[in-house]
Amino acid sequence: MDQLVNEVSQRTGLDEATSRQAVQVVIGYLKGRLPEPFGGMLEQFIGGGQPGQTPDLGSLFGGGH
């Protein structure tokens, strides 16, 4: 999530704290609007997962391992 916060800060000129708050508001909004499991995957993708870990989108659409 830090990368996204930095991007928002650079593009808008907002300080880091305000940018972080804006990112958290947007993530919360999207999570509330997306059906599960997409909301949880968004959190993992944005910063809740382990570094280098990406959600398995293929399994959501009938793909699998």
N, C-alpha and C. Protein backbone atom coordinates (compact mmCIF):
# COMPACT_ATOMS: atom_id res chain seq x y z
N MET A 1 0.82 -1.18 0.00
CA MET A 1 0.00 0.00 0.00
C MET A 1 0.87 1.25 0.00
N ASP A 2 2.07 1.14 0.50
CA ASP A 2 2.95 2.30 0.55
C ASP A 2 3.23 2.87 -0.84
N GLN A 3 3.36 1.99 -1.83
CA GLN A 3 3.58 2.48 -3.19
C GLN A 3 2.41 3.32 -3.67
N LEU A 4 1.21 2.85 -3.39
CA LEU A 4 0.01 3.58 -3.80
C LEU A 4 -0.08 4.91 -3.07
N VAL A 5 0.22 4.91 -1.80
CA VAL A 5 0.21 6.16 -1.02
C VAL A 5 1.22 7.15 -1.60
N ASN A 6 2.41 6.67 -1.92
CA ASN A 6 3.43 7.55 -2.51
C ASN A 6 2.97 8.10 -3.86
N GLU A 7 2.35 7.26 -4.66
CA GLU A 7 1.85 7.69 -5.97
C GLU A 7 0.79 8.77 -5.83
N VAL A 8 -0.13 8.57 -4.91
CA VAL A 8 -1.17 9.57 -4.66
C VAL A 8 -0.54 10.87 -4.18
N SER A 9 0.41 10.77 -3.28
CA SER A 9 1.08 11.95 -2.74
C SER A 9 1.80 12.73 -3.84
N GLN A 10 2.53 12.01 -4.69
CA GLN A 10 3.28 12.67 -5.76
C GLN A 10 2.35 13.32 -6.79
N ARG A 11 1.30 12.62 -7.15
CA ARG A 11 0.41 13.13 -8.20
C ARG A 11 -0.50 14.26 -7.74
N THR A 12 -0.82 14.27 -6.44
CA THR A 12 -1.75 15.28 -5.94
C THR A 12 -1.10 16.40 -5.15
N GLY A 13 0.12 16.15 -4.68
CA GLY A 13 0.78 17.14 -3.84
C GLY A 13 0.33 17.08 -2.38
N LEU A 14 -0.47 16.07 -2.04
CA LEU A 14 -0.92 15.91 -0.66
C LEU A 14 0.21 15.33 0.18
N ASP A 15 0.20 15.63 1.48
CA ASP A 15 1.20 15.04 2.35
C ASP A 15 0.91 13.55 2.52
N GLU A 16 1.87 12.81 3.05
CA GLU A 16 1.75 11.35 3.15
C GLU A 16 0.55 10.92 4.01
N ALA A 17 0.34 11.59 5.13
CA ALA A 17 -0.77 11.21 6.02
C ALA A 17 -2.12 11.38 5.32
N THR A 18 -2.29 12.47 4.61
CA THR A 18 -3.54 12.72 3.90
C THR A 18 -3.71 11.74 2.75
N SER A 19 -2.62 11.45 2.05
CA SER A 19 -2.66 10.49 0.96
C SER A 19 -3.02 9.10 1.47
N ARG A 20 -2.45 8.71 2.60
CA ARG A 20 -2.75 7.40 3.19
C ARG A 20 -4.23 7.32 3.56
N GLN A 21 -4.75 8.38 4.13
CA GLN A 21 -6.15 8.40 4.50
C GLN A 21 -7.04 8.30 3.25
N ALA A 22 -6.68 9.00 2.19
CA ALA A 22 -7.45 8.95 0.95
C ALA A 22 -7.43 7.54 0.36
N VAL A 23 -6.28 6.90 0.37
CA VAL A 23 -6.17 5.53 -0.16
C VAL A 23 -7.03 4.58 0.67
N GLN A 24 -7.00 4.72 1.98
CA GLN A 24 -7.79 3.86 2.85
C GLN A 24 -9.28 4.05 2.61
N VAL A 25 -9.70 5.28 2.37
CA VAL A 25 -11.11 5.55 2.07
C VAL A 25 -11.52 4.87 0.77
N VAL A 26 -10.69 5.00 -0.26
CA VAL A 26 -11.01 4.40 -1.55
C VAL A 26 -11.04 2.87 -1.44
N ILE A 27 -10.08 2.29 -0.76
CA ILE A 27 -10.04 0.84 -0.59
C ILE A 27 -11.28 0.37 0.17
N GLY A 28 -11.64 1.07 1.21
CA GLY A 28 -12.84 0.72 1.96
C GLY A 28 -14.10 0.81 1.10
N TYR A 29 -14.17 1.83 0.29
CA TYR A 29 -15.30 2.01 -0.61
C TYR A 29 -15.39 0.85 -1.61
N LEU A 30 -14.26 0.53 -2.23
CA LEU A 30 -14.24 -0.56 -3.21
C LEU A 30 -14.57 -1.91 -2.56
N LYS A 31 -14.01 -2.17 -1.40
CA LYS A 31 -14.28 -3.43 -0.70
C LYS A 31 -15.75 -3.56 -0.37
N GLY A 32 -16.40 -2.46 -0.05
CA GLY A 32 -17.82 -2.48 0.27
C GLY A 32 -18.70 -2.69 -0.95
N ARG A 33 -18.18 -2.40 -2.12
CA ARG A 33 -18.95 -2.51 -3.35
C ARG A 33 -18.68 -3.80 -4.12
N LEU A 34 -17.52 -4.39 -3.90
CA LEU A 34 -17.14 -5.60 -4.63
C LEU A 34 -17.70 -6.84 -3.94
N PRO A 35 -18.16 -7.81 -4.72
CA PRO A 35 -18.59 -9.07 -4.11
C PRO A 35 -17.39 -9.85 -3.61
N GLU A 36 -17.62 -10.66 -2.59
CA GLU A 36 -16.56 -11.56 -2.14
C GLU A 36 -16.40 -12.61 -3.21
N PRO A 37 -15.23 -13.06 -3.46
CA PRO A 37 -13.98 -12.85 -2.73
C PRO A 37 -13.16 -11.68 -3.26
N PHE A 38 -13.71 -10.85 -4.14
CA PHE A 38 -12.94 -9.76 -4.73
C PHE A 38 -12.51 -8.72 -3.70
N GLY A 39 -13.37 -8.42 -2.73
CA GLY A 39 -13.01 -7.45 -1.70
C GLY A 39 -11.78 -7.88 -0.92
N GLY A 40 -11.76 -9.15 -0.52
CA GLY A 40 -10.60 -9.68 0.19
C GLY A 40 -9.35 -9.73 -0.67
N MET A 41 -9.55 -10.02 -1.94
CA MET A 41 -8.41 -10.06 -2.86
C MET A 41 -7.85 -8.67 -3.07
N LEU A 42 -8.71 -7.68 -3.10
CA LEU A 42 -8.25 -6.31 -3.24
C LEU A 42 -7.34 -5.94 -2.07
N GLU A 43 -7.77 -6.27 -0.88
CA GLU A 43 -6.96 -6.00 0.32
C GLU A 43 -5.61 -6.69 0.22
N GLN A 44 -5.62 -7.95 -0.20
CA GLN A 44 -4.36 -8.70 -0.33
C GLN A 44 -3.48 -8.07 -1.40
N PHE A 45 -4.06 -7.70 -2.51
CA PHE A 45 -3.31 -7.15 -3.63
C PHE A 45 -2.71 -5.79 -3.27
N ILE A 46 -3.47 -4.95 -2.61
CA ILE A 46 -3.02 -3.60 -2.28
C ILE A 46 -1.96 -3.61 -1.19
N GLY A 47 -2.02 -4.52 -0.26
CA GLY A 47 -0.99 -4.48 0.76
C GLY A 47 -1.19 -5.41 1.92
N GLY A 48 -2.26 -6.17 1.93
CA GLY A 48 -2.49 -7.07 3.04
C GLY A 48 -1.79 -8.41 2.89
N GLY A 49 -1.27 -8.72 1.69
CA GLY A 49 -0.62 -10.00 1.44
C GLY A 49 0.87 -9.93 1.67
N GLN A 50 1.53 -11.02 1.45
CA GLN A 50 2.98 -11.08 1.59
C GLN A 50 3.63 -10.43 0.37
N PRO A 51 4.81 -9.84 0.51
CA PRO A 51 5.50 -9.27 -0.63
C PRO A 51 5.70 -10.29 -1.74
N GLY A 52 5.40 -9.89 -2.95
CA GLY A 52 5.55 -10.77 -4.10
C GLY A 52 4.41 -11.73 -4.30
N GLN A 53 3.46 -11.73 -3.38
CA GLN A 53 2.33 -12.63 -3.47
C GLN A 53 1.19 -11.92 -4.19
N THR A 54 0.61 -12.59 -5.17
CA THR A 54 -0.52 -12.01 -5.87
C THR A 54 -1.70 -12.93 -5.75
N PRO A 55 -2.90 -12.38 -5.79
CA PRO A 55 -4.07 -13.22 -5.67
C PRO A 55 -4.21 -14.14 -6.88
N ASP A 56 -4.82 -15.29 -6.66
CA ASP A 56 -5.03 -16.27 -7.73
C ASP A 56 -6.34 -15.97 -8.43
N LEU A 57 -6.31 -15.07 -9.39
CA LEU A 57 -7.52 -14.67 -10.09
C LEU A 57 -8.09 -15.80 -10.92
N GLY A 58 -7.25 -16.69 -11.42
CA GLY A 58 -7.72 -17.79 -12.25
C GLY A 58 -8.71 -18.68 -11.53
N SER A 59 -8.51 -18.90 -10.25
CA SER A 59 -9.41 -19.77 -9.51
C SER A 59 -10.79 -19.16 -9.35
N LEU A 60 -10.89 -17.86 -9.46
CA LEU A 60 -12.19 -17.20 -9.34
C LEU A 60 -13.08 -17.41 -10.55
N PHE A 61 -12.45 -17.68 -11.67
CA PHE A 61 -13.19 -17.77 -12.92
C PHE A 61 -13.21 -19.20 -13.45
N GLY A 62 -13.14 -20.16 -12.57
CA GLY A 62 -13.24 -21.55 -12.97
C GLY A 62 -11.92 -22.19 -13.32
N GLY A 63 -10.85 -21.43 -13.33
CA GLY A 63 -9.52 -22.01 -13.55
C GLY A 63 -9.08 -22.67 -12.26
N GLY A 64 -8.03 -23.31 -12.29
CA GLY A 64 -7.56 -23.91 -11.04
C GLY A 64 -6.28 -24.66 -11.24
N HIS A 65 -5.82 -25.16 -10.17
CA HIS A 65 -4.56 -25.91 -10.19
C HIS A 65 -4.84 -27.36 -9.89
